Amino acid sequence: MIIEIKIENKQITLLLKDQKVIVDSLDFPEERQLSEKLLPSIDLMLKKNKLKAADVEKITVKSDLGDNFTTTRLAKTVAEAWNYAQTHC
């Protein structure tokens, strides 16, 4: 499984994918609260689909905002930390 964090048009979408098939999605507005909402939203999505963190191979980020925006940097930091943990723990 892969989680894609999509930041587009002031909207955050979490996509849970099995290969290229979207299994589940969760949307919320980008209101400069990503640091408070992102991890709980990922946890909610995993629980809803009866998955554990170990079932998610990696997290990817797609954003229409530049890399200088805090929202994009936060999403990429979470993705990099998750991906690092999956390969080193």
PDB file of N, CA and C in Angstrom:
ATOM      1  N   MET A   1       0.838  -1.181   0.000  1.00  0.00           N
ATOM      2  CA  MET A   1       0.000   0.000   0.000  1.00  0.00           C
ATOM      3  C   MET A   1       0.888   1.251   0.000  1.00  0.00           C
ATOM      4  N   ILE A   2       0.366   2.279  -0.609  1.00  0.00           N
ATOM      5  CA  ILE A   2       1.045   3.573  -0.667  1.00  0.00           C
ATOM      6  C   ILE A   2       0.033   4.651  -0.272  1.00  0.00           C
ATOM      7  N   ILE A   3       0.488   5.645   0.464  1.00  0.00           N
ATOM      8  CA  ILE A   3      -0.342   6.809   0.752  1.00  0.00           C
ATOM      9  C   ILE A   3       0.238   7.977  -0.038  1.00  0.00           C
ATOM     10  N   GLU A   4      -0.619   8.626  -0.782  1.00  0.00           N
ATOM     11  CA  GLU A   4      -0.219   9.815  -1.525  1.00  0.00           C
ATOM     12  C   GLU A   4      -0.866  11.025  -0.864  1.00  0.00           C
ATOM     13  N   ILE A   5      -0.038  12.001  -0.517  1.00  0.00           N
ATOM     14  CA  ILE A   5      -0.538  13.269   0.009  1.00  0.00           C
ATOM     15  C   ILE A   5      -0.592  14.225  -1.175  1.00  0.00           C
ATOM     16  N   LYS A   6      -1.786  14.624  -1.531  1.00  0.00           N
ATOM     17  CA  LYS A   6      -1.977  15.492  -2.691  1.00  0.00           C
ATOM     18  C   LYS A   6      -2.428  16.863  -2.205  1.00  0.00           C
ATOM     19  N   ILE A   7      -1.669  17.889  -2.554  1.00  0.00           N
ATOM     20  CA  ILE A   7      -1.987  19.263  -2.167  1.00  0.00           C
ATOM     21  C   ILE A   7      -2.299  20.022  -3.446  1.00  0.00           C
ATOM     22  N   GLU A   8      -3.564  20.389  -3.593  1.00  0.00           N
ATOM     23  CA  GLU A   8      -4.003  20.995  -4.839  1.00  0.00           C
ATOM     24  C   GLU A   8      -5.196  21.905  -4.596  1.00  0.00           C
ATOM     25  N   ASN A   9      -5.142  23.115  -5.125  1.00  0.00           N
ATOM     26  CA  ASN A   9      -6.254  24.066  -5.028  1.00  0.00           C
ATOM     27  C   ASN A   9      -6.724  24.281  -3.592  1.00  0.00           C
ATOM     28  N   LYS A  10      -5.765  24.465  -2.670  1.00  0.00           N
ATOM     29  CA  LYS A  10      -6.060  24.698  -1.251  1.00  0.00           C
ATOM     30  C   LYS A  10      -6.836  23.551  -0.620  1.00  0.00           C
ATOM     31  N   GLN A  11      -6.608  22.338  -1.111  1.00  0.00           N
ATOM     32  CA  GLN A  11      -7.264  21.133  -0.610  1.00  0.00           C
ATOM     33  C   GLN A  11      -6.188  20.074  -0.379  1.00  0.00           C
ATOM     34  N   ILE A  12      -6.283  19.366   0.734  1.00  0.00           N
ATOM     35  CA  ILE A  12      -5.390  18.248   1.025  1.00  0.00           C
ATOM     36  C   ILE A  12      -6.193  16.969   0.797  1.00  0.00           C
ATOM     37  N   THR A  13      -5.639  16.067   0.019  1.00  0.00           N
ATOM     38  CA  THR A  13      -6.273  14.778  -0.222  1.00  0.00           C
ATOM     39  C   THR A  13      -5.274  13.690   0.115  1.00  0.00           C
ATOM     40  N   LEU A  14      -5.699  12.762   0.954  1.00  0.00           N
ATOM     41  CA  LEU A  14      -4.901  11.578   1.242  1.00  0.00           C
ATOM     42  C   LEU A  14      -5.490  10.437   0.425  1.00  0.00           C
ATOM     43  N   LEU A  15      -4.656   9.812  -0.375  1.00  0.00           N
ATOM     44  CA  LEU A  15      -5.101   8.687  -1.191  1.00  0.00           C
ATOM     45  C   LEU A  15      -4.389   7.429  -0.715  1.00  0.00           C
ATOM     46  N   LEU A  16      -5.150   6.410  -0.385  1.00  0.00           N
ATOM     47  CA  LEU A  16      -4.594   5.107  -0.041  1.00  0.00           C
ATOM     48  C   LEU A  16      -4.676   4.259  -1.292  1.00  0.00           C
ATOM     49  N   LYS A  17      -3.515   3.822  -1.770  1.00  0.00           N
ATOM     50  CA  LYS A  17      -3.464   3.096  -3.037  1.00  0.00           C
ATOM     51  C   LYS A  17      -2.875   1.709  -2.865  1.00  0.00           C
ATOM     52  N   ASP A  18      -3.454   0.761  -3.568  1.00  0.00           N
ATOM     53  CA  ASP A  18      -2.897  -0.577  -3.703  1.00  0.00           C
ATOM     54  C   ASP A  18      -2.511  -0.691  -5.171  1.00  0.00           C
ATOM     55  N   GLN A  19      -1.205  -0.638  -5.424  1.00  0.00           N
ATOM     56  CA  GLN A  19      -0.688  -0.488  -6.790  1.00  0.00           C
ATOM     57  C   GLN A  19      -1.184   0.857  -7.307  1.00  0.00           C
ATOM     58  N   LYS A  20      -1.968   0.863  -8.369  1.00  0.00           N
ATOM     59  CA  LYS A  20      -2.508   2.119  -8.902  1.00  0.00           C
ATOM     60  C   LYS A  20      -3.989   2.293  -8.595  1.00  0.00           C
ATOM     61  N   VAL A  21      -4.565   1.346  -7.867  1.00  0.00           N
ATOM     62  CA  VAL A  21      -5.986   1.385  -7.523  1.00  0.00           C
ATOM     63  C   VAL A  21      -6.181   2.174  -6.229  1.00  0.00           C
ATOM     64  N   ILE A  22      -7.058   3.158  -6.260  1.00  0.00           N
ATOM     65  CA  ILE A  22      -7.357   3.940  -5.065  1.00  0.00           C
ATOM     66  C   ILE A  22      -8.328   3.150  -4.192  1.00  0.00           C
ATOM     67  N   VAL A  23      -7.880   2.836  -2.986  1.00  0.00           N
ATOM     68  CA  VAL A  23      -8.671   2.057  -2.036  1.00  0.00           C
ATOM     69  C   VAL A  23      -9.545   2.973  -1.182  1.00  0.00           C
ATOM     70  N   ASP A  24      -8.993   4.121  -0.808  1.00  0.00           N
ATOM     71  CA  ASP A  24      -9.721   5.055   0.044  1.00  0.00           C
ATOM     72  C   ASP A  24      -9.138   6.455  -0.149  1.00  0.00           C
ATOM     73  N   SER A  25      -9.911   7.452   0.195  1.00  0.00           N
ATOM     74  CA  SER A  25      -9.407   8.828   0.143  1.00  0.00           C
ATOM     75  C   SER A  25     -10.032   9.636   1.273  1.00  0.00           C
ATOM     76  N   LEU A  26      -9.329  10.673   1.651  1.00  0.00           N
ATOM     77  CA  LEU A  26      -9.788  11.560   2.709  1.00  0.00           C
ATOM     78  C   LEU A  26      -9.385  12.975   2.313  1.00  0.00           C
ATOM     79  N   ASP A  27     -10.338  13.900   2.350  1.00  0.00           N
ATOM     80  CA  ASP A  27     -10.095  15.291   1.954  1.00  0.00           C
ATOM     81  C   ASP A  27     -10.321  16.223   3.134  1.00  0.00           C
ATOM     82  N   PHE A  28      -9.518  17.257   3.188  1.00  0.00           N
ATOM     83  CA  PHE A  28      -9.774  18.343   4.121  1.00  0.00           C
ATOM     84  C   PHE A  28      -9.127  19.611   3.562  1.00  0.00           C
ATOM     85  N   PRO A  29      -9.686  20.777   3.915  1.00  0.00           N
ATOM     86  CA  PRO A  29      -9.143  22.024   3.367  1.00  0.00           C
ATOM     87  C   PRO A  29      -7.770  22.341   3.945  1.00  0.00           C
ATOM     88  N   GLU A  30      -6.950  22.976   3.143  1.00  0.00           N
ATOM     89  CA  GLU A  30      -5.624  23.416   3.583  1.00  0.00           C
ATOM     90  C   GLU A  30      -5.826  24.752   4.285  1.00  0.00           C
ATOM     91  N   GLU A  31      -5.823  24.707   5.622  1.00  0.00           N
ATOM     92  CA  GLU A  31      -6.075  25.913   6.411  1.00  0.00           C
ATOM     93  C   GLU A  31      -4.906  26.201   7.338  1.00  0.00           C
ATOM     94  N   ARG A  32      -3.701  25.886   6.895  1.00  0.00           N
ATOM     95  CA  ARG A  32      -2.501  26.105   7.692  1.00  0.00           C
ATOM     96  C   ARG A  32      -2.536  25.343   9.001  1.00  0.00           C
ATOM     97  N   GLN A  33      -3.178  24.174   9.000  1.00  0.00           N
ATOM     98  CA  GLN A  33      -3.239  23.315  10.175  1.00  0.00           C
ATOM     99  C   GLN A  33      -2.742  21.904   9.846  1.00  0.00           C
ATOM    100  N   LEU A  34      -1.960  21.789   8.810  1.00  0.00           N
ATOM    101  CA  LEU A  34      -1.524  20.468   8.378  1.00  0.00           C
ATOM    102  C   LEU A  34      -0.753  19.744   9.474  1.00  0.00           C
ATOM    103  N   SER A  35       0.049  20.467  10.227  1.00  0.00           N
ATOM    104  CA  SER A  35       0.834  19.831  11.284  1.00  0.00           C
ATOM    105  C   SER A  35      -0.065  19.207  12.350  1.00  0.00           C
ATOM    106  N   GLU A  36      -1.259  19.718  12.524  1.00  0.00           N
ATOM    107  CA  GLU A  36      -2.199  19.187  13.502  1.00  0.00           C
ATOM    108  C   GLU A  36      -3.086  18.084  12.918  1.00  0.00           C
ATOM    109  N   LYS A  37      -3.302  18.098  11.609  1.00  0.00           N
ATOM    110  CA  LYS A  37      -4.265  17.189  10.997  1.00  0.00           C
ATOM    111  C   LYS A  37      -3.662  15.995  10.269  1.00  0.00           C
ATOM    112  N   LEU A  38      -2.436  16.112   9.780  1.00  0.00           N
ATOM    113  CA  LEU A  38      -1.915  15.100   8.870  1.00  0.00           C
ATOM    114  C   LEU A  38      -1.769  13.718   9.513  1.00  0.00           C
ATOM    115  N   LEU A  39      -1.014  13.604  10.579  1.00  0.00           N
ATOM    116  CA  LEU A  39      -0.809  12.289  11.192  1.00  0.00           C
ATOM    117  C   LEU A  39      -2.102  11.685  11.747  1.00  0.00           C
ATOM    118  N   PRO A  40      -2.960  12.458  12.444  1.00  0.00           N
ATOM    119  CA  PRO A  40      -4.233  11.872  12.869  1.00  0.00           C
ATOM    120  C   PRO A  40      -5.104  11.412  11.688  1.00  0.00           C
ATOM    121  N   SER A  41      -5.037  12.128  10.571  1.00  0.00           N
ATOM    122  CA  SER A  41      -5.818  11.733   9.389  1.00  0.00           C
ATOM    123  C   SER A  41      -5.282  10.441   8.781  1.00  0.00           C
ATOM    124  N   ILE A  42      -3.960  10.299   8.747  1.00  0.00           N
ATOM    125  CA  ILE A  42      -3.365   9.055   8.251  1.00  0.00           C
ATOM    126  C   ILE A  42      -3.761   7.907   9.172  1.00  0.00           C
ATOM    127  N   ASP A  43      -3.695   8.130  10.487  1.00  0.00           N
ATOM    128  CA  ASP A  43      -4.085   7.107  11.452  1.00  0.00           C
ATOM    129  C   ASP A  43      -5.548   6.710  11.273  1.00  0.00           C
ATOM    130  N   LEU A  44      -6.416   7.694  11.091  1.00  0.00           N
ATOM    131  CA  LEU A  44      -7.844   7.433  10.874  1.00  0.00           C
ATOM    132  C   LEU A  44      -8.058   6.584   9.618  1.00  0.00           C
ATOM    133  N   MET A  45      -7.359   6.928   8.541  1.00  0.00           N
ATOM    134  CA  MET A  45      -7.494   6.182   7.294  1.00  0.00           C
ATOM    135  C   MET A  45      -7.029   4.725   7.469  1.00  0.00           C
ATOM    136  N   LEU A  46      -5.933   4.536   8.164  1.00  0.00           N
ATOM    137  CA  LEU A  46      -5.424   3.184   8.388  1.00  0.00           C
ATOM    138  C   LEU A  46      -6.399   2.368   9.228  1.00  0.00           C
ATOM    139  N   LYS A  47      -6.916   2.956  10.302  1.00  0.00           N
ATOM    140  CA  LYS A  47      -7.880   2.248  11.155  1.00  0.00           C
ATOM    141  C   LYS A  47      -9.147   1.901  10.385  1.00  0.00           C
ATOM    142  N   LYS A  48      -9.629   2.837   9.602  1.00  0.00           N
ATOM    143  CA  LYS A  48     -10.847   2.621   8.807  1.00  0.00           C
ATOM    144  C   LYS A  48     -10.686   1.443   7.857  1.00  0.00           C
ATOM    145  N   ASN A  49      -9.484   1.262   7.327  1.00  0.00           N
ATOM    146  CA  ASN A  49      -9.220   0.182   6.369  1.00  0.00           C
ATOM    147  C   ASN A  49      -8.554  -1.027   7.009  1.00  0.00           C
ATOM    148  N   LYS A  50      -8.537  -1.052   8.357  1.00  0.00           N
ATOM    149  CA  LYS A  50      -7.991  -2.170   9.131  1.00  0.00           C
ATOM    150  C   LYS A  50      -6.554  -2.485   8.733  1.00  0.00           C
ATOM    151  N   LEU A  51      -5.752  -1.423   8.631  1.00  0.00           N
ATOM    152  CA  LEU A  51      -4.349  -1.560   8.272  1.00  0.00           C
ATOM    153  C   LEU A  51      -3.475  -1.076   9.417  1.00  0.00           C
ATOM    154  N   LYS A  52      -2.229  -1.507   9.404  1.00  0.00           N
ATOM    155  CA  LYS A  52      -1.234  -1.043  10.356  1.00  0.00           C
ATOM    156  C   LYS A  52      -0.222  -0.195   9.596  1.00  0.00           C
ATOM    157  N   ALA A  53       0.548   0.567  10.331  1.00  0.00           N
ATOM    158  CA  ALA A  53       1.566   1.408   9.701  1.00  0.00           C
ATOM    159  C   ALA A  53       2.515   0.574   8.849  1.00  0.00           C
ATOM    160  N   ALA A  54       2.824  -0.618   9.279  1.00  0.00           N
ATOM    161  CA  ALA A  54       3.744  -1.496   8.538  1.00  0.00           C
ATOM    162  C   ALA A  54       3.177  -1.915   7.180  1.00  0.00           C
ATOM    163  N   ASP A  55       1.866  -1.802   7.002  1.00  0.00           N
ATOM    164  CA  ASP A  55       1.241  -2.175   5.727  1.00  0.00           C
ATOM    165  C   ASP A  55       1.452  -1.110   4.650  1.00  0.00           C
ATOM    166  N   VAL A  56       1.875   0.080   5.049  1.00  0.00           N
ATOM    167  CA  VAL A  56       2.098   1.168   4.100  1.00  0.00           C
ATOM    168  C   VAL A  56       3.584   1.204   3.755  1.00  0.00           C
ATOM    169  N   GLU A  57       3.901   0.874   2.516  1.00  0.00           N
ATOM    170  CA  GLU A  57       5.293   0.814   2.056  1.00  0.00           C
ATOM    171  C   GLU A  57       5.957   2.178   2.040  1.00  0.00           C
ATOM    172  N   LYS A  58       5.207   3.166   1.552  1.00  0.00           N
ATOM    173  CA  LYS A  58       5.776   4.509   1.481  1.00  0.00           C
ATOM    174  C   LYS A  58       4.676   5.546   1.356  1.00  0.00           C
ATOM    175  N   ILE A  59       5.088   6.786   1.588  1.00  0.00           N
ATOM    176  CA  ILE A  59       4.203   7.941   1.416  1.00  0.00           C
ATOM    177  C   ILE A  59       4.842   8.831   0.359  1.00  0.00           C
ATOM    178  N   THR A  60       4.017   9.295  -0.580  1.00  0.00           N
ATOM    179  CA  THR A  60       4.486  10.214  -1.610  1.00  0.00           C
ATOM    180  C   THR A  60       3.730  11.535  -1.466  1.00  0.00           C
ATOM    181  N   VAL A  61       4.305  12.594  -2.033  1.00  0.00           N
ATOM    182  CA  VAL A  61       3.690  13.921  -1.969  1.00  0.00           C
ATOM    183  C   VAL A  61       3.635  14.513  -3.371  1.00  0.00           C
ATOM    184  N   LYS A  62       2.463  15.016  -3.728  1.00  0.00           N
ATOM    185  CA  LYS A  62       2.287  15.776  -4.967  1.00  0.00           C
ATOM    186  C   LYS A  62       1.650  17.097  -4.577  1.00  0.00           C
ATOM    187  N   SER A  63       2.245  18.196  -5.025  1.00  0.00           N
ATOM    188  CA  SER A  63       1.761  19.506  -4.614  1.00  0.00           C
ATOM    189  C   SER A  63       1.806  20.494  -5.771  1.00  0.00           C
ATOM    190  N   ASP A  64       0.768  21.330  -5.837  1.00  0.00           N
ATOM    191  CA  ASP A  64       0.794  22.409  -6.826  1.00  0.00           C
ATOM    192  C   ASP A  64       1.377  23.685  -6.216  1.00  0.00           C
ATOM    193  N   LEU A  65       1.753  23.606  -4.939  1.00  0.00           N
ATOM    194  CA  LEU A  65       2.433  24.717  -4.274  1.00  0.00           C
ATOM    195  C   LEU A  65       3.935  24.533  -4.443  1.00  0.00           C
ATOM    196  N   GLY A  66       4.666  25.578  -4.348  1.00  0.00           N
ATOM    197  CA  GLY A  66       6.115  25.469  -4.435  1.00  0.00           C
ATOM    198  C   GLY A  66       6.702  24.833  -3.180  1.00  0.00           C
ATOM    199  N   ASP A  67       7.955  24.413  -3.271  1.00  0.00           N
ATOM    200  CA  ASP A  67       8.631  23.793  -2.135  1.00  0.00           C
ATOM    201  C   ASP A  67       8.869  24.774  -0.992  1.00  0.00           C
ATOM    202  N   ASN A  68       8.710  26.062  -1.230  1.00  0.00           N
ATOM    203  CA  ASN A  68       8.926  27.049  -0.182  1.00  0.00           C
ATOM    204  C   ASN A  68       7.709  27.228   0.720  1.00  0.00           C
ATOM    205  N   PHE A  69       6.588  26.629   0.384  1.00  0.00           N
ATOM    206  CA  PHE A  69       5.395  26.745   1.204  1.00  0.00           C
ATOM    207  C   PHE A  69       5.471  25.754   2.362  1.00  0.00           C
ATOM    208  N   THR A  70       5.099  26.214   3.539  1.00  0.00           N
ATOM    209  CA  THR A  70       5.175  25.389   4.742  1.00  0.00           C
ATOM    210  C   THR A  70       4.354  24.114   4.600  1.00  0.00           C
ATOM    211  N   THR A  71       3.191  24.195   3.990  1.00  0.00           N
ATOM    212  CA  THR A  71       2.349  23.019   3.813  1.00  0.00           C
ATOM    213  C   THR A  71       3.093  21.930   3.054  1.00  0.00           C
ATOM    214  N   THR A  72       3.736  22.293   1.972  1.00  0.00           N
ATOM    215  CA  THR A  72       4.486  21.322   1.182  1.00  0.00           C
ATOM    216  C   THR A  72       5.660  20.772   1.976  1.00  0.00           C
ATOM    217  N   ARG A  73       6.356  21.636   2.674  1.00  0.00           N
ATOM    218  CA  ARG A  73       7.517  21.181   3.461  1.00  0.00           C
ATOM    219  C   ARG A  73       7.090  20.223   4.561  1.00  0.00           C
ATOM    220  N   LEU A  74       5.980  20.516   5.226  1.00  0.00           N
ATOM    221  CA  LEU A  74       5.484  19.616   6.272  1.00  0.00           C
ATOM    222  C   LEU A  74       5.114  18.245   5.702  1.00  0.00           C
ATOM    223  N   ALA A  75       4.392  18.245   4.593  1.00  0.00           N
ATOM    224  CA  ALA A  75       3.990  16.981   3.976  1.00  0.00           C
ATOM    225  C   ALA A  75       5.214  16.175   3.558  1.00  0.00           C
ATOM    226  N   LYS A  76       6.202  16.830   2.968  1.00  0.00           N
ATOM    227  CA  LYS A  76       7.410  16.129   2.540  1.00  0.00           C
ATOM    228  C   LYS A  76       8.216  15.611   3.731  1.00  0.00           C
ATOM    229  N   THR A  77       8.241  16.356   4.813  1.00  0.00           N
ATOM    230  CA  THR A  77       8.950  15.912   6.006  1.00  0.00           C
ATOM    231  C   THR A  77       8.307  14.663   6.589  1.00  0.00           C
ATOM    232  N   VAL A  78       6.982  14.651   6.670  1.00  0.00           N
ATOM    233  CA  VAL A  78       6.271  13.464   7.165  1.00  0.00           C
ATOM    234  C   VAL A  78       6.546  12.278   6.251  1.00  0.00           C
ATOM    235  N   ALA A  79       6.471  12.497   4.947  1.00  0.00           N
ATOM    236  CA  ALA A  79       6.724  11.418   3.991  1.00  0.00           C
ATOM    237  C   ALA A  79       8.151  10.880   4.117  1.00  0.00           C
ATOM    238  N   GLU A  80       9.121  11.774   4.207  1.00  0.00           N
ATOM    239  CA  GLU A  80      10.518  11.339   4.318  1.00  0.00           C
ATOM    240  C   GLU A  80      10.766  10.574   5.614  1.00  0.00           C
ATOM    241  N   ALA A  81      10.191  11.039   6.720  1.00  0.00           N
ATOM    242  CA  ALA A  81      10.351  10.349   7.998  1.00  0.00           C
ATOM    243  C   ALA A  81       9.698   8.965   7.953  1.00  0.00           C
ATOM    244  N   TRP A  82       8.503   8.893   7.383  1.00  0.00           N
ATOM    245  CA  TRP A  82       7.797   7.609   7.271  1.00  0.00           C
ATOM    246  C   TRP A  82       8.614   6.639   6.410  1.00  0.00           C
ATOM    247  N   ASN A  83       9.040   7.113   5.262  1.00  0.00           N
ATOM    248  CA  ASN A  83       9.789   6.254   4.339  1.00  0.00           C
ATOM    249  C   ASN A  83      11.110   5.794   4.947  1.00  0.00           C
ATOM    250  N   TYR A  84      11.770   6.668   5.680  1.00  0.00           N
ATOM    251  CA  TYR A  84      13.005   6.301   6.352  1.00  0.00           C
ATOM    252  C   TYR A  84      12.749   5.204   7.393  1.00  0.00           C
ATOM    253  N   ALA A  85      11.696   5.402   8.191  1.00  0.00           N
ATOM    254  CA  ALA A  85      11.355   4.420   9.223  1.00  0.00           C
ATOM    255  C   ALA A  85      11.004   3.061   8.622  1.00  0.00           C
ATOM    256  N   GLN A  86      10.319   3.076   7.490  1.00  0.00           N
ATOM    257  CA  GLN A  86       9.928   1.804   6.854  1.00  0.00           C
ATOM    258  C   GLN A  86      11.148   1.033   6.347  1.00  0.00           C
ATOM    259  N   THR A  87      12.202   1.702   5.962  1.00  0.00           N
ATOM    260  CA  THR A  87      13.360   1.012   5.419  1.00  0.00           C
ATOM    261  C   THR A  87      14.449   0.744   6.452  1.00  0.00           C
ATOM    262  N   HIS A  88      14.404   1.447   7.594  1.00  0.00           N
ATOM    263  CA  HIS A  88      15.482   1.299   8.571  1.00  0.00           C
ATOM    264  C   HIS A  88      15.043   0.724   9.919  1.00  0.00           C
ATOM    265  N   CYS A  89      13.788   0.442  10.101  1.00  0.00           N
ATOM    266  CA  CYS A  89      13.344  -0.091  11.392  1.00  0.00           C
ATOM    267  C   CYS A  89      12.758  -1.482  11.266  1.00  0.00           C
TER     268      CYS A  89
END
